[in-house]
């Protein structure tokens, strides 16, 4: 998929995807070269649907982790963010499309989060170092 290549070759740090309002396709909502992880995390955590309710998102993040004497590791991370207070219908749509998108993007690491604490930098690092 072009999104993964965009991260690798266009110096993007992340891409955030959402399911379109008419529920027919997955679209890019945002992308950025900004290396501030907390700014990216905030965009996910504060995502809202057209009615102002908490909204799920998918994201690809180009993570770079300094492991000291082991060097630096770079991993493309797929994040499925479905907050616990997401309306049931939206949760179901994201659950049924997650694997298809993940397989199309072919990330190194995949994380599913329903609580903002699961999006902490240390969580991404731990998941990425294992792979």
N, C-alpha and C. Protein backbone atom coordinates (compact mmCIF):
# COMPACT_ATOMS: atom_id res chain seq x y z
N UNK A 1 0.84 -1.18 0.00
CA UNK A 1 0.00 0.00 0.00
C UNK A 1 0.88 1.24 0.00
N UNK A 2 0.43 2.29 -0.62
CA UNK A 2 1.21 3.51 -0.73
C UNK A 2 1.52 4.16 0.61
N UNK A 3 0.67 4.00 1.59
CA UNK A 3 0.87 4.64 2.89
C UNK A 3 2.18 4.19 3.54
N UNK A 4 2.48 2.91 3.48
CA UNK A 4 3.72 2.41 4.07
C UNK A 4 4.91 2.99 3.34
N UNK A 5 4.85 3.04 2.03
CA UNK A 5 5.94 3.64 1.25
C UNK A 5 6.08 5.12 1.55
N UNK A 6 4.97 5.82 1.79
CA UNK A 6 5.05 7.23 2.14
C UNK A 6 5.83 7.43 3.42
N UNK A 7 5.63 6.56 4.41
CA UNK A 7 6.40 6.67 5.65
C UNK A 7 7.88 6.43 5.38
N UNK A 8 8.17 5.44 4.59
CA UNK A 8 9.56 5.07 4.35
C UNK A 8 10.30 6.05 3.45
N UNK A 9 9.62 6.59 2.44
CA UNK A 9 10.33 7.35 1.42
C UNK A 9 9.99 8.84 1.37
N UNK A 10 8.98 9.28 2.05
CA UNK A 10 8.62 10.70 2.04
C UNK A 10 8.89 11.36 3.38
N UNK A 11 9.61 10.70 4.24
CA UNK A 11 9.98 11.24 5.55
C UNK A 11 8.79 11.59 6.43
N UNK A 12 7.66 10.93 6.21
CA UNK A 12 6.53 11.14 7.11
C UNK A 12 6.79 10.39 8.41
N UNK A 13 6.32 10.92 9.50
CA UNK A 13 6.46 10.26 10.79
C UNK A 13 5.22 9.43 11.10
N UNK A 14 4.06 9.91 10.66
CA UNK A 14 2.85 9.13 10.90
C UNK A 14 1.77 9.43 9.86
N UNK A 15 0.84 8.48 9.78
CA UNK A 15 -0.37 8.63 8.96
C UNK A 15 -1.53 8.14 9.82
N UNK A 16 -2.59 8.93 9.91
CA UNK A 16 -3.78 8.55 10.66
C UNK A 16 -4.90 8.28 9.66
N UNK A 17 -5.56 7.14 9.83
CA UNK A 17 -6.65 6.74 8.95
C UNK A 17 -7.96 6.71 9.74
N UNK A 18 -9.06 6.91 9.03
CA UNK A 18 -10.38 6.75 9.63
C UNK A 18 -11.30 6.11 8.60
N UNK A 19 -12.40 5.60 9.08
CA UNK A 19 -13.43 5.11 8.17
C UNK A 19 -14.29 6.31 7.80
N UNK A 20 -14.55 6.44 6.51
CA UNK A 20 -15.30 7.60 6.01
C UNK A 20 -16.67 7.69 6.69
N UNK A 21 -17.23 8.90 6.69
CA UNK A 21 -18.52 9.13 7.35
C UNK A 21 -19.63 8.26 6.77
N UNK A 22 -19.53 7.93 5.47
CA UNK A 22 -20.56 7.07 4.86
C UNK A 22 -20.25 5.58 5.06
N UNK A 23 -19.17 5.29 5.80
CA UNK A 23 -18.78 3.92 6.19
C UNK A 23 -18.44 3.02 5.00
N UNK A 24 -17.96 3.60 3.89
CA UNK A 24 -17.68 2.80 2.70
C UNK A 24 -16.20 2.60 2.41
N UNK A 25 -15.33 3.40 3.04
CA UNK A 25 -13.91 3.26 2.75
C UNK A 25 -13.05 3.77 3.90
N UNK A 26 -11.80 3.36 3.87
CA UNK A 26 -10.82 3.85 4.83
C UNK A 26 -10.05 4.97 4.14
N UNK A 27 -9.98 6.12 4.79
CA UNK A 27 -9.35 7.29 4.18
C UNK A 27 -8.26 7.85 5.10
N UNK A 28 -7.31 8.56 4.51
CA UNK A 28 -6.28 9.23 5.30
C UNK A 28 -6.90 10.49 5.90
N UNK A 29 -6.81 10.59 7.21
CA UNK A 29 -7.32 11.78 7.90
C UNK A 29 -6.21 12.81 8.08
N UNK A 30 -5.00 12.34 8.35
CA UNK A 30 -3.90 13.25 8.64
C UNK A 30 -2.58 12.52 8.41
N UNK A 31 -1.56 13.28 8.08
CA UNK A 31 -0.20 12.75 8.02
C UNK A 31 0.74 13.89 8.35
N UNK A 32 1.92 13.54 8.86
CA UNK A 32 2.82 14.61 9.29
C UNK A 32 4.26 14.12 9.36
N UNK A 33 5.16 15.08 9.26
CA UNK A 33 6.59 14.83 9.47
C UNK A 33 6.99 15.18 10.90
N UNK A 34 6.04 15.67 11.69
CA UNK A 34 6.30 16.08 13.07
C UNK A 34 6.78 14.89 13.89
N UNK A 35 7.92 15.02 14.52
CA UNK A 35 8.50 13.92 15.30
C UNK A 35 8.04 13.90 16.76
N UNK A 36 7.17 14.81 17.15
CA UNK A 36 6.68 14.88 18.53
C UNK A 36 5.62 13.78 18.74
N UNK A 37 6.02 12.70 19.42
CA UNK A 37 5.11 11.57 19.62
C UNK A 37 3.87 11.99 20.40
N UNK A 38 4.03 12.84 21.39
CA UNK A 38 2.87 13.25 22.20
C UNK A 38 1.83 14.00 21.38
N UNK A 39 2.26 14.78 20.40
CA UNK A 39 1.31 15.48 19.52
C UNK A 39 0.51 14.46 18.71
N UNK A 40 1.20 13.44 18.21
CA UNK A 40 0.54 12.36 17.46
C UNK A 40 -0.45 11.63 18.36
N UNK A 41 0.00 11.25 19.55
CA UNK A 41 -0.83 10.51 20.50
C UNK A 41 -2.09 11.32 20.85
N UNK A 42 -1.93 12.60 21.06
CA UNK A 42 -3.06 13.47 21.38
C UNK A 42 -4.09 13.47 20.25
N UNK A 43 -3.63 13.49 19.00
CA UNK A 43 -4.56 13.45 17.87
C UNK A 43 -5.40 12.18 17.90
N UNK A 44 -4.77 11.05 18.23
CA UNK A 44 -5.53 9.80 18.31
C UNK A 44 -6.52 9.83 19.47
N UNK A 45 -6.04 10.18 20.63
CA UNK A 45 -6.86 10.14 21.84
C UNK A 45 -8.04 11.11 21.76
N UNK A 46 -7.85 12.24 21.09
CA UNK A 46 -8.91 13.25 21.02
C UNK A 46 -9.78 13.15 19.77
N UNK A 47 -9.60 12.11 18.96
CA UNK A 47 -10.39 11.96 17.73
C UNK A 47 -11.87 11.84 18.06
N UNK A 48 -12.68 12.55 17.28
CA UNK A 48 -14.14 12.54 17.47
C UNK A 48 -14.81 12.22 16.14
N UNK A 49 -16.01 11.64 16.23
CA UNK A 49 -16.78 11.39 15.02
C UNK A 49 -17.58 12.65 14.67
N UNK A 50 -18.39 12.57 13.64
CA UNK A 50 -19.15 13.75 13.18
C UNK A 50 -20.18 14.23 14.22
N UNK A 51 -20.48 13.39 15.20
CA UNK A 51 -21.43 13.76 16.26
C UNK A 51 -20.71 14.21 17.54
N UNK A 52 -19.38 14.28 17.48
CA UNK A 52 -18.61 14.72 18.64
C UNK A 52 -18.32 13.64 19.65
N UNK A 53 -18.59 12.39 19.30
CA UNK A 53 -18.32 11.27 20.22
C UNK A 53 -16.92 10.72 19.97
N UNK A 54 -16.32 10.07 20.98
CA UNK A 54 -15.00 9.48 20.80
C UNK A 54 -15.00 8.55 19.58
N UNK A 55 -13.92 8.64 18.81
CA UNK A 55 -13.89 7.89 17.56
C UNK A 55 -12.62 7.06 17.43
N UNK A 56 -12.76 5.85 16.91
CA UNK A 56 -11.59 5.02 16.64
C UNK A 56 -10.78 5.59 15.49
N UNK A 57 -9.54 5.17 15.41
CA UNK A 57 -8.67 5.52 14.30
C UNK A 57 -7.66 4.39 14.12
N UNK A 58 -7.13 4.31 12.93
CA UNK A 58 -5.96 3.48 12.66
C UNK A 58 -4.81 4.44 12.42
N UNK A 59 -3.60 3.97 12.66
CA UNK A 59 -2.45 4.82 12.37
C UNK A 59 -1.24 3.96 12.03
N UNK A 60 -0.37 4.53 11.24
CA UNK A 60 0.97 3.98 11.02
C UNK A 60 1.93 4.99 11.62
N UNK A 61 2.86 4.50 12.42
CA UNK A 61 3.84 5.38 13.05
C UNK A 61 5.23 4.84 12.77
N UNK A 62 6.12 5.71 12.34
CA UNK A 62 7.51 5.34 12.06
C UNK A 62 8.31 5.53 13.34
N UNK A 63 8.41 4.46 14.12
CA UNK A 63 9.08 4.54 15.41
C UNK A 63 10.58 4.32 15.30
N UNK A 64 11.32 5.10 16.06
CA UNK A 64 12.77 4.96 16.14
C UNK A 64 13.13 4.87 17.61
N UNK A 65 13.78 3.77 17.99
CA UNK A 65 14.03 3.50 19.40
C UNK A 65 15.53 3.34 19.66
N UNK A 66 16.05 4.13 20.59
CA UNK A 66 17.46 4.06 20.96
C UNK A 66 17.61 3.01 22.05
N UNK A 67 18.32 1.94 21.73
CA UNK A 67 18.51 0.84 22.68
C UNK A 67 19.90 0.84 23.30
N UNK A 68 20.50 2.01 23.36
CA UNK A 68 21.81 2.12 23.98
C UNK A 68 22.87 1.36 23.21
N UNK A 69 23.51 0.41 23.89
CA UNK A 69 24.60 -0.36 23.27
C UNK A 69 24.13 -1.25 22.12
N UNK A 70 22.83 -1.51 22.05
CA UNK A 70 22.29 -2.33 20.96
C UNK A 70 21.96 -1.51 19.72
N UNK A 71 22.13 -0.19 19.80
CA UNK A 71 21.90 0.67 18.64
C UNK A 71 20.47 1.16 18.54
N UNK A 72 20.15 1.64 17.36
CA UNK A 72 18.83 2.21 17.10
C UNK A 72 18.02 1.24 16.27
N UNK A 73 16.77 1.07 16.64
CA UNK A 73 15.84 0.22 15.88
C UNK A 73 14.75 1.10 15.29
N UNK A 74 14.44 0.85 14.03
CA UNK A 74 13.33 1.55 13.36
C UNK A 74 12.26 0.52 13.05
N UNK A 75 11.03 0.84 13.39
CA UNK A 75 9.90 -0.07 13.15
C UNK A 75 8.70 0.73 12.67
N UNK A 76 8.01 0.19 11.68
CA UNK A 76 6.73 0.74 11.26
C UNK A 76 5.67 0.07 12.13
N UNK A 77 4.93 0.88 12.88
CA UNK A 77 3.97 0.36 13.86
C UNK A 77 2.55 0.67 13.40
N UNK A 78 1.72 -0.36 13.36
CA UNK A 78 0.30 -0.20 13.06
C UNK A 78 -0.44 -0.10 14.39
N UNK A 79 -1.22 0.95 14.55
CA UNK A 79 -1.97 1.16 15.78
C UNK A 79 -3.46 1.15 15.47
N UNK A 80 -4.16 0.32 16.18
CA UNK A 80 -5.62 0.30 16.13
C UNK A 80 -6.11 0.92 17.43
N UNK A 81 -6.67 2.12 17.33
CA UNK A 81 -7.14 2.85 18.51
C UNK A 81 -8.66 2.83 18.52
N UNK A 82 -9.23 2.10 19.47
CA UNK A 82 -10.68 2.03 19.63
C UNK A 82 -10.98 2.30 21.10
N UNK A 83 -11.21 3.58 21.46
CA UNK A 83 -11.43 3.91 22.86
C UNK A 83 -12.59 3.12 23.46
N UNK A 84 -12.48 2.80 24.72
CA UNK A 84 -13.48 1.96 25.38
C UNK A 84 -14.89 2.56 25.35
N UNK A 85 -15.00 3.88 25.23
CA UNK A 85 -16.32 4.50 25.20
C UNK A 85 -16.83 4.78 23.77
N UNK A 86 -16.23 4.11 22.80
CA UNK A 86 -16.69 4.23 21.41
C UNK A 86 -18.07 3.57 21.28
N UNK A 87 -18.99 4.21 20.55
CA UNK A 87 -20.29 3.57 20.31
C UNK A 87 -20.11 2.18 19.67
N UNK A 88 -20.97 1.26 20.03
CA UNK A 88 -20.86 -0.14 19.60
C UNK A 88 -20.75 -0.30 18.09
N UNK A 89 -21.57 0.40 17.35
CA UNK A 89 -21.56 0.26 15.89
C UNK A 89 -20.20 0.63 15.31
N UNK A 90 -19.62 1.73 15.77
CA UNK A 90 -18.29 2.13 15.29
C UNK A 90 -17.23 1.11 15.68
N UNK A 91 -17.31 0.61 16.90
CA UNK A 91 -16.36 -0.42 17.34
C UNK A 91 -16.41 -1.64 16.44
N UNK A 92 -17.62 -2.04 16.08
CA UNK A 92 -17.78 -3.22 15.22
C UNK A 92 -17.19 -2.98 13.83
N UNK A 93 -17.40 -1.82 13.28
CA UNK A 93 -16.86 -1.53 11.95
C UNK A 93 -15.34 -1.56 11.97
N UNK A 94 -14.74 -0.94 12.97
CA UNK A 94 -13.28 -0.94 13.06
C UNK A 94 -12.74 -2.34 13.32
N UNK A 95 -13.44 -3.12 14.11
CA UNK A 95 -13.00 -4.49 14.39
C UNK A 95 -13.01 -5.35 13.13
N UNK A 96 -14.00 -5.14 12.27
CA UNK A 96 -14.10 -5.98 11.07
C UNK A 96 -13.15 -5.55 9.96
N UNK A 97 -12.63 -4.34 10.01
CA UNK A 97 -11.71 -3.88 8.96
C UNK A 97 -10.24 -3.89 9.39
N UNK A 98 -9.98 -4.05 10.67
CA UNK A 98 -8.62 -3.94 11.19
C UNK A 98 -7.63 -4.89 10.51
N UNK A 99 -7.93 -6.16 10.46
CA UNK A 99 -6.97 -7.13 9.91
C UNK A 99 -6.71 -6.90 8.42
N UNK A 100 -7.74 -6.53 7.69
CA UNK A 100 -7.57 -6.28 6.26
C UNK A 100 -6.61 -5.12 6.03
N UNK A 101 -6.80 -4.03 6.76
CA UNK A 101 -5.92 -2.88 6.61
C UNK A 101 -4.51 -3.22 7.08
N UNK A 102 -4.41 -3.86 8.22
CA UNK A 102 -3.09 -4.22 8.75
C UNK A 102 -2.33 -5.08 7.75
N UNK A 103 -2.98 -6.06 7.17
CA UNK A 103 -2.32 -6.93 6.19
C UNK A 103 -1.91 -6.16 4.94
N UNK A 104 -2.72 -5.21 4.52
CA UNK A 104 -2.38 -4.40 3.34
C UNK A 104 -1.18 -3.49 3.61
N UNK A 105 -1.07 -2.99 4.84
CA UNK A 105 0.02 -2.08 5.19
C UNK A 105 1.32 -2.80 5.52
N UNK A 106 1.22 -4.03 5.98
CA UNK A 106 2.38 -4.86 6.29
C UNK A 106 3.37 -4.18 7.25
N UNK A 107 2.91 -3.81 8.45
CA UNK A 107 3.80 -3.17 9.42
C UNK A 107 4.72 -4.19 10.08
N UNK A 108 5.74 -3.69 10.77
CA UNK A 108 6.62 -4.57 11.55
C UNK A 108 5.95 -5.00 12.85
N UNK A 109 5.17 -4.09 13.43
CA UNK A 109 4.56 -4.30 14.75
C UNK A 109 3.11 -3.83 14.69
N UNK A 110 2.24 -4.51 15.45
CA UNK A 110 0.84 -4.12 15.51
C UNK A 110 0.41 -3.99 16.97
N UNK A 111 -0.29 -2.91 17.27
CA UNK A 111 -0.77 -2.65 18.63
C UNK A 111 -2.25 -2.30 18.57
N UNK A 112 -3.03 -2.91 19.45
CA UNK A 112 -4.44 -2.53 19.60
C UNK A 112 -4.57 -1.86 20.96
N UNK A 113 -5.19 -0.69 20.98
CA UNK A 113 -5.34 0.05 22.24
C UNK A 113 -6.78 0.53 22.40
N UNK A 114 -7.30 0.39 23.63
CA UNK A 114 -8.62 0.95 23.92
C UNK A 114 -8.57 1.89 25.13
N UNK A 115 -7.38 2.09 25.66
CA UNK A 115 -7.16 3.02 26.76
C UNK A 115 -5.94 3.86 26.41
N UNK A 116 -5.99 5.16 26.71
CA UNK A 116 -4.90 6.04 26.30
C UNK A 116 -3.56 5.64 26.91
N UNK A 117 -3.57 4.98 28.06
CA UNK A 117 -2.31 4.52 28.66
C UNK A 117 -1.60 3.49 27.79
N UNK A 118 -2.37 2.78 26.97
CA UNK A 118 -1.78 1.78 26.07
C UNK A 118 -1.08 2.42 24.88
N UNK A 119 -1.18 3.73 24.77
CA UNK A 119 -0.51 4.46 23.69
C UNK A 119 0.73 5.21 24.19
N UNK A 120 1.14 4.92 25.41
CA UNK A 120 2.35 5.55 25.94
C UNK A 120 3.56 5.12 25.11
N UNK A 121 4.57 6.00 25.01
CA UNK A 121 5.77 5.72 24.24
C UNK A 121 6.43 4.42 24.69
N UNK A 122 6.48 4.19 26.00
CA UNK A 122 7.14 2.98 26.52
C UNK A 122 6.44 1.71 26.02
N UNK A 123 5.12 1.76 25.83
CA UNK A 123 4.38 0.60 25.32
C UNK A 123 4.78 0.30 23.89
N UNK A 124 4.89 1.33 23.06
CA UNK A 124 5.33 1.14 21.68
C UNK A 124 6.75 0.59 21.64
N UNK A 125 7.60 1.13 22.49
CA UNK A 125 8.99 0.68 22.52
C UNK A 125 9.07 -0.78 22.93
N UNK A 126 8.36 -1.16 23.97
CA UNK A 126 8.38 -2.55 24.43
C UNK A 126 7.89 -3.50 23.35
N UNK A 127 6.80 -3.15 22.68
CA UNK A 127 6.26 -4.00 21.61
C UNK A 127 7.21 -4.08 20.43
N UNK A 128 7.90 -3.00 20.14
CA UNK A 128 8.78 -2.95 18.97
C UNK A 128 10.11 -3.66 19.21
N UNK A 129 10.60 -3.61 20.42
CA UNK A 129 11.88 -4.25 20.73
C UNK A 129 11.75 -5.77 20.71
N UNK A 130 10.56 -6.28 21.01
CA UNK A 130 10.33 -7.73 21.01
C UNK A 130 10.43 -8.32 19.62
N UNK A 131 10.12 -7.53 18.60
CA UNK A 131 10.04 -8.05 17.23
C UNK A 131 11.37 -8.00 16.53
